[in-house]
Amino acid sequence: MTNENFENAQSSYSEHQTRNKTMGDAARDAAEKAKQAAADTAASMSSHVMGVLNDQLRLGAYSACQFASSMRVAAGDLQQENPRLAEFIRGLSHNVEDYSERVGDKTVEELARDASDFTRRQPALVFGLAALAGFFAFRTFKSAGAIQSPPIQPNHQNPAERRHG
């Protein structure tokens, strides 16, 4: 190999390395931009979902207030016939209204944090309620019975035999 060929090969190799480095940098930049775009999209979606959940929480609190109001009307109707039951229903309506006002003023994040704090303070109660809910769900699904589906195997009788025999 002559000195000139060696210099050409070395120059070509150097150009090749520079081109590879530039392409690698471009690929890294593109990957970084894609990661950032994905993170921005996820944050935007998360923000949107949290907004929808907060709206639903406020709507639920409003519905609970309406329910409490209906309970008070029912208690008024029951006052003549059963004053003790009417007073009990008024007390329940007051509790429902207080609870709905407390929940309606919170965000989903605050509500989740409160639930987590309660679970830390009262783990046995939470476990017991979860077990009770699981028991009721199990009993409900068990009593629903199995759904009958049509047989998979075709009936081997032809239509003429079914009509006559």
C-alpha atoms as a PDB file:
ATOM      1  CA  MET A   1       0.000   0.000   0.000  1.00  0.00           C
ATOM      2  CA  THR A   2       1.471   3.332  -0.971  1.00  0.00           C
ATOM      3  CA  ASN A   3       1.633   6.338   1.228  1.00  0.00           C
ATOM      4  CA  GLU A   4      -1.049   8.073  -0.868  1.00  0.00           C
ATOM      5  CA  ASN A   5      -3.424   5.096  -0.605  1.00  0.00           C
ATOM      6  CA  PHE A   6      -2.830   4.969   3.121  1.00  0.00           C
ATOM      7  CA  GLU A   7      -3.664   8.674   3.496  1.00  0.00           C
ATOM      8  CA  ASN A   8      -6.825   8.240   1.364  1.00  0.00           C
ATOM      9  CA  ALA A   9      -7.911   5.276   3.444  1.00  0.00           C
ATOM     10  CA  GLN A  10      -7.213   7.156   6.653  1.00  0.00           C
ATOM     11  CA  SER A  11      -9.151  10.188   5.371  1.00  0.00           C
ATOM     12  CA  SER A  12     -12.070   7.975   4.294  1.00  0.00           C
ATOM     13  CA  TYR A  13     -12.063   6.256   7.699  1.00  0.00           C
ATOM     14  CA  SER A  14     -12.037   9.628   9.461  1.00  0.00           C
ATOM     15  CA  GLU A  15     -14.953  10.869   7.338  1.00  0.00           C
ATOM     16  CA  HIS A  16     -16.811   7.644   8.072  1.00  0.00           C
ATOM     17  CA  GLN A  17     -16.283   8.074  11.834  1.00  0.00           C
ATOM     18  CA  THR A  18     -17.441  11.697  11.684  1.00  0.00           C
ATOM     19  CA  ARG A  19     -20.552  10.702   9.723  1.00  0.00           C
ATOM     20  CA  ASN A  20     -21.335   7.890  12.196  1.00  0.00           C
ATOM     21  CA  LYS A  21     -20.873  10.244  15.134  1.00  0.00           C
ATOM     22  CA  THR A  22     -23.203  12.808  13.544  1.00  0.00           C
ATOM     23  CA  MET A  23     -25.816  10.133  12.818  1.00  0.00           C
ATOM     24  CA  GLY A  24     -25.525   8.786  16.369  1.00  0.00           C
ATOM     25  CA  ASP A  25     -25.985  12.265  17.809  1.00  0.00           C
ATOM     26  CA  ALA A  26     -29.028  12.817  15.589  1.00  0.00           C
ATOM     27  CA  ALA A  27     -30.501   9.480  16.679  1.00  0.00           C
ATOM     28  CA  ARG A  28     -29.922  10.334  20.350  1.00  0.00           C
ATOM     29  CA  ASP A  29     -31.522  13.757  19.863  1.00  0.00           C
ATOM     30  CA  ALA A  30     -34.526  12.191  18.125  1.00  0.00           C
ATOM     31  CA  ALA A  31     -34.907   9.610  20.902  1.00  0.00           C
ATOM     32  CA  GLU A  32     -34.684  12.337  23.551  1.00  0.00           C
ATOM     33  CA  LYS A  33     -37.312  14.413  21.750  1.00  0.00           C
ATOM     34  CA  ALA A  34     -39.578  11.360  21.470  1.00  0.00           C
ATOM     35  CA  LYS A  35     -39.189  10.658  25.201  1.00  0.00           C
ATOM     36  CA  GLN A  36     -39.994  14.266  26.036  1.00  0.00           C
ATOM     37  CA  ALA A  37     -43.052  14.251  23.753  1.00  0.00           C
ATOM     38  CA  ALA A  38     -44.278  11.027  25.358  1.00  0.00           C
ATOM     39  CA  ALA A  39     -43.770  12.483  28.843  1.00  0.00           C
ATOM     40  CA  ASP A  40     -45.613  15.671  27.882  1.00  0.00           C
ATOM     41  CA  THR A  41     -48.488  13.665  26.402  1.00  0.00           C
ATOM     42  CA  ALA A  42     -48.718  11.466  29.504  1.00  0.00           C
ATOM     43  CA  ALA A  43     -48.723  14.519  31.768  1.00  0.00           C
ATOM     44  CA  SER A  44     -51.414  16.159  29.661  1.00  0.00           C
ATOM     45  CA  MET A  45     -53.562  13.023  29.691  1.00  0.00           C
ATOM     46  CA  SER A  46     -53.059  12.602  33.430  1.00  0.00           C
ATOM     47  CA  SER A  47     -54.067  16.199  34.003  1.00  0.00           C
ATOM     48  CA  HIS A  48     -57.176  15.733  31.838  1.00  0.00           C
ATOM     49  CA  VAL A  49     -58.181  12.513  33.626  1.00  0.00           C
ATOM     50  CA  MET A  50     -57.704  14.149  37.036  1.00  0.00           C
ATOM     51  CA  GLY A  51     -59.885  17.048  35.890  1.00  0.00           C
ATOM     52  CA  VAL A  52     -62.640  14.672  34.803  1.00  0.00           C
ATOM     53  CA  LEU A  53     -62.394  12.754  38.097  1.00  0.00           C
ATOM     54  CA  ASN A  54     -62.580  15.986  40.092  1.00  0.00           C
ATOM     55  CA  ASP A  55     -65.673  17.021  38.115  1.00  0.00           C
ATOM     56  CA  GLN A  56     -67.276  13.640  38.817  1.00  0.00           C
ATOM     57  CA  LEU A  57     -66.428  13.982  42.508  1.00  0.00           C
ATOM     58  CA  ARG A  58     -68.163  17.371  42.665  1.00  0.00           C
ATOM     59  CA  LEU A  59     -71.153  15.958  40.767  1.00  0.00           C
ATOM     60  CA  GLY A  60     -71.375  13.064  43.222  1.00  0.00           C
ATOM     61  CA  ALA A  61     -71.243  15.464  46.170  1.00  0.00           C
ATOM     62  CA  TYR A  62     -74.036  17.519  44.609  1.00  0.00           C
ATOM     63  CA  SER A  63     -76.118  14.355  44.106  1.00  0.00           C
ATOM     64  CA  ALA A  64     -75.558  13.377  47.744  1.00  0.00           C
ATOM     65  CA  CYS A  65     -76.807  16.821  48.829  1.00  0.00           C
ATOM     66  CA  GLN A  66     -79.915  16.326  46.707  1.00  0.00           C
ATOM     67  CA  PHE A  67     -80.405  12.901  48.289  1.00  0.00           C
ATOM     68  CA  ALA A  68     -80.090  14.433  51.775  1.00  0.00           C
ATOM     69  CA  SER A  69     -82.730  16.996  50.832  1.00  0.00           C
ATOM     70  CA  SER A  70     -85.048  14.208  49.679  1.00  0.00           C
ATOM     71  CA  MET A  71     -84.456  12.397  52.962  1.00  0.00           C
ATOM     72  CA  ARG A  72     -85.550  15.499  54.889  1.00  0.00           C
ATOM     73  CA  VAL A  73     -88.746  15.694  52.810  1.00  0.00           C
ATOM     74  CA  ALA A  74     -89.437  12.015  53.531  1.00  0.00           C
ATOM     75  CA  ALA A  75     -88.803  12.615  57.233  1.00  0.00           C
ATOM     76  CA  GLY A  76     -91.340  15.447  57.171  1.00  0.00           C
ATOM     77  CA  ASP A  77     -93.896  13.133  55.584  1.00  0.00           C
ATOM     78  CA  LEU A  78     -93.245  10.494  58.256  1.00  0.00           C
ATOM     79  CA  GLN A  79     -93.423  12.909  61.207  1.00  0.00           C
ATOM     80  CA  GLN A  80     -97.116  12.299  61.944  1.00  0.00           C
ATOM     81  CA  GLU A  81     -97.027   8.516  61.562  1.00  0.00           C
ATOM     82  CA  ASN A  82     -93.662   7.678  63.130  1.00  0.00           C
ATOM     83  CA  PRO A  83     -91.814  10.572  64.790  1.00  0.00           C
ATOM     84  CA  ARG A  84     -88.857   8.424  65.900  1.00  0.00           C
ATOM     85  CA  LEU A  85     -88.202   7.159  62.394  1.00  0.00           C
ATOM     86  CA  ALA A  86     -88.574  10.700  61.044  1.00  0.00           C
ATOM     87  CA  GLU A  87     -85.977  11.970  63.528  1.00  0.00           C
ATOM     88  CA  PHE A  88     -83.615   9.112  62.625  1.00  0.00           C
ATOM     89  CA  ILE A  89     -83.952   9.942  58.908  1.00  0.00           C
ATOM     90  CA  ARG A  90     -83.320  13.632  59.613  1.00  0.00           C
ATOM     91  CA  GLY A  91     -80.125  12.681  61.454  1.00  0.00           C
ATOM     92  CA  LEU A  92     -79.011  10.527  58.525  1.00  0.00           C
ATOM     93  CA  SER A  93     -79.781  13.316  56.077  1.00  0.00           C
ATOM     94  CA  HIS A  94     -77.687  15.711  58.149  1.00  0.00           C
ATOM     95  CA  ASN A  95     -74.753  13.244  58.124  1.00  0.00           C
ATOM     96  CA  VAL A  96     -75.066  12.676  54.363  1.00  0.00           C
ATOM     97  CA  GLU A  97     -75.108  16.413  53.728  1.00  0.00           C
ATOM     98  CA  ASP A  98     -72.070  17.043  55.961  1.00  0.00           C
ATOM     99  CA  TYR A  99     -70.145  14.236  54.293  1.00  0.00           C
ATOM    100  CA  SER A 100     -71.025  15.448  50.788  1.00  0.00           C
ATOM    101  CA  GLU A 101     -69.901  18.983  51.639  1.00  0.00           C
ATOM    102  CA  ARG A 102     -66.577  17.719  52.990  1.00  0.00           C
ATOM    103  CA  VAL A 103     -66.006  15.504  49.953  1.00  0.00           C
ATOM    104  CA  GLY A 104     -67.149  18.147  47.463  1.00  0.00           C
ATOM    105  CA  ASP A 105     -64.481  20.579  48.682  1.00  0.00           C
ATOM    106  CA  LYS A 106     -61.631  18.116  48.045  1.00  0.00           C
ATOM    107  CA  THR A 107     -59.766  16.973  44.979  1.00  0.00           C
ATOM    108  CA  VAL A 108     -59.247  13.341  44.024  1.00  0.00           C
ATOM    109  CA  GLU A 109     -55.640  13.545  45.226  1.00  0.00           C
ATOM    110  CA  GLU A 110     -56.732  14.832  48.640  1.00  0.00           C
ATOM    111  CA  LEU A 111     -59.392  12.157  48.911  1.00  0.00           C
ATOM    112  CA  ALA A 112     -56.874   9.432  48.050  1.00  0.00           C
ATOM    113  CA  ARG A 113     -54.450  10.819  50.617  1.00  0.00           C
ATOM    114  CA  ASP A 114     -57.209  10.864  53.267  1.00  0.00           C
ATOM    115  CA  ALA A 115     -58.133   7.260  52.449  1.00  0.00           C
ATOM    116  CA  SER A 116     -54.488   6.238  52.699  1.00  0.00           C
ATOM    117  CA  ASP A 117     -54.140   7.982  56.068  1.00  0.00           C
ATOM    118  CA  PHE A 118     -57.294   6.293  57.354  1.00  0.00           C
ATOM    119  CA  THR A 119     -55.977   2.917  56.201  1.00  0.00           C
ATOM    120  CA  ARG A 120     -52.756   3.521  58.139  1.00  0.00           C
ATOM    121  CA  ARG A 121     -54.688   4.515  61.275  1.00  0.00           C
ATOM    122  CA  GLN A 122     -57.322   1.747  61.090  1.00  0.00           C
ATOM    123  CA  PRO A 123     -55.903  -1.209  59.110  1.00  0.00           C
ATOM    124  CA  ALA A 124     -58.068  -3.812  60.862  1.00  0.00           C
ATOM    125  CA  LEU A 125     -61.267  -1.920  60.038  1.00  0.00           C
ATOM    126  CA  VAL A 126     -60.271  -1.489  56.397  1.00  0.00           C
ATOM    127  CA  PHE A 127     -59.323  -5.164  56.122  1.00  0.00           C
ATOM    128  CA  GLY A 128     -62.627  -6.181  57.719  1.00  0.00           C
ATOM    129  CA  LEU A 129     -64.634  -3.991  55.350  1.00  0.00           C
ATOM    130  CA  ALA A 130     -62.718  -5.364  52.357  1.00  0.00           C
ATOM    131  CA  ALA A 131     -63.374  -8.934  53.531  1.00  0.00           C
ATOM    132  CA  LEU A 132     -67.063  -8.152  54.036  1.00  0.00           C
ATOM    133  CA  ALA A 133     -67.313  -6.602  50.566  1.00  0.00           C
ATOM    134  CA  GLY A 134     -65.557  -9.636  49.081  1.00  0.00           C
ATOM    135  CA  PHE A 135     -67.933 -11.983  50.890  1.00  0.00           C
ATOM    136  CA  PHE A 136     -70.997 -10.130  49.579  1.00  0.00           C
ATOM    137  CA  ALA A 137     -69.558 -10.007  46.047  1.00  0.00           C
ATOM    138  CA  PHE A 138     -68.829 -13.748  46.186  1.00  0.00           C
ATOM    139  CA  ARG A 139     -72.349 -14.544  47.423  1.00  0.00           C
ATOM    140  CA  THR A 140     -73.894 -12.304  44.779  1.00  0.00           C
ATOM    141  CA  PHE A 141     -71.993 -13.892  41.900  1.00  0.00           C
ATOM    142  CA  LYS A 142     -72.474 -17.403  43.257  1.00  0.00           C
ATOM    143  CA  SER A 143     -76.239 -16.980  43.598  1.00  0.00           C
ATOM    144  CA  ALA A 144     -76.516 -15.517  40.099  1.00  0.00           C
ATOM    145  CA  GLY A 145     -76.043 -19.024  38.673  1.00  0.00           C
ATOM    146  CA  ALA A 146     -74.275 -20.205  35.601  1.00  0.00           C
ATOM    147  CA  ILE A 147     -75.301 -18.912  32.212  1.00  0.00           C
ATOM    148  CA  GLN A 148     -76.427 -21.667  29.900  1.00  0.00           C
ATOM    149  CA  SER A 149     -74.784 -21.492  26.511  1.00  0.00           C
ATOM    150  CA  PRO A 150     -75.832 -23.416  23.422  1.00  0.00           C
ATOM    151  CA  PRO A 151     -73.949 -26.658  22.802  1.00  0.00           C
ATOM    152  CA  ILE A 152     -70.881 -26.438  20.632  1.00  0.00           C
ATOM    153  CA  GLN A 153     -71.374 -29.843  19.019  1.00  0.00           C
ATOM    154  CA  PRO A 154     -73.814 -29.851  16.099  1.00  0.00           C
ATOM    155  CA  ASN A 155     -76.928 -31.940  16.364  1.00  0.00           C
ATOM    156  CA  HIS A 156     -76.448 -35.049  14.217  1.00  0.00           C
ATOM    157  CA  GLN A 157     -80.092 -35.352  13.229  1.00  0.00           C
ATOM    158  CA  ASN A 158     -80.965 -33.934   9.883  1.00  0.00           C
ATOM    159  CA  PRO A 159     -83.976 -31.586   9.651  1.00  0.00           C
ATOM    160  CA  ALA A 160     -86.238 -34.285   8.093  1.00  0.00           C
ATOM    161  CA  GLU A 161     -85.680 -36.648  11.041  1.00  0.00           C
ATOM    162  CA  ARG A 162     -86.460 -33.929  13.601  1.00  0.00           C
ATOM    163  CA  ARG A 163     -89.854 -33.215  12.059  1.00  0.00           C
ATOM    164  CA  HIS A 164     -90.930 -36.858  11.953  1.00  0.00           C
ATOM    165  CA  GLY A 165     -89.505 -38.430  14.951  1.00  0.00           C
END
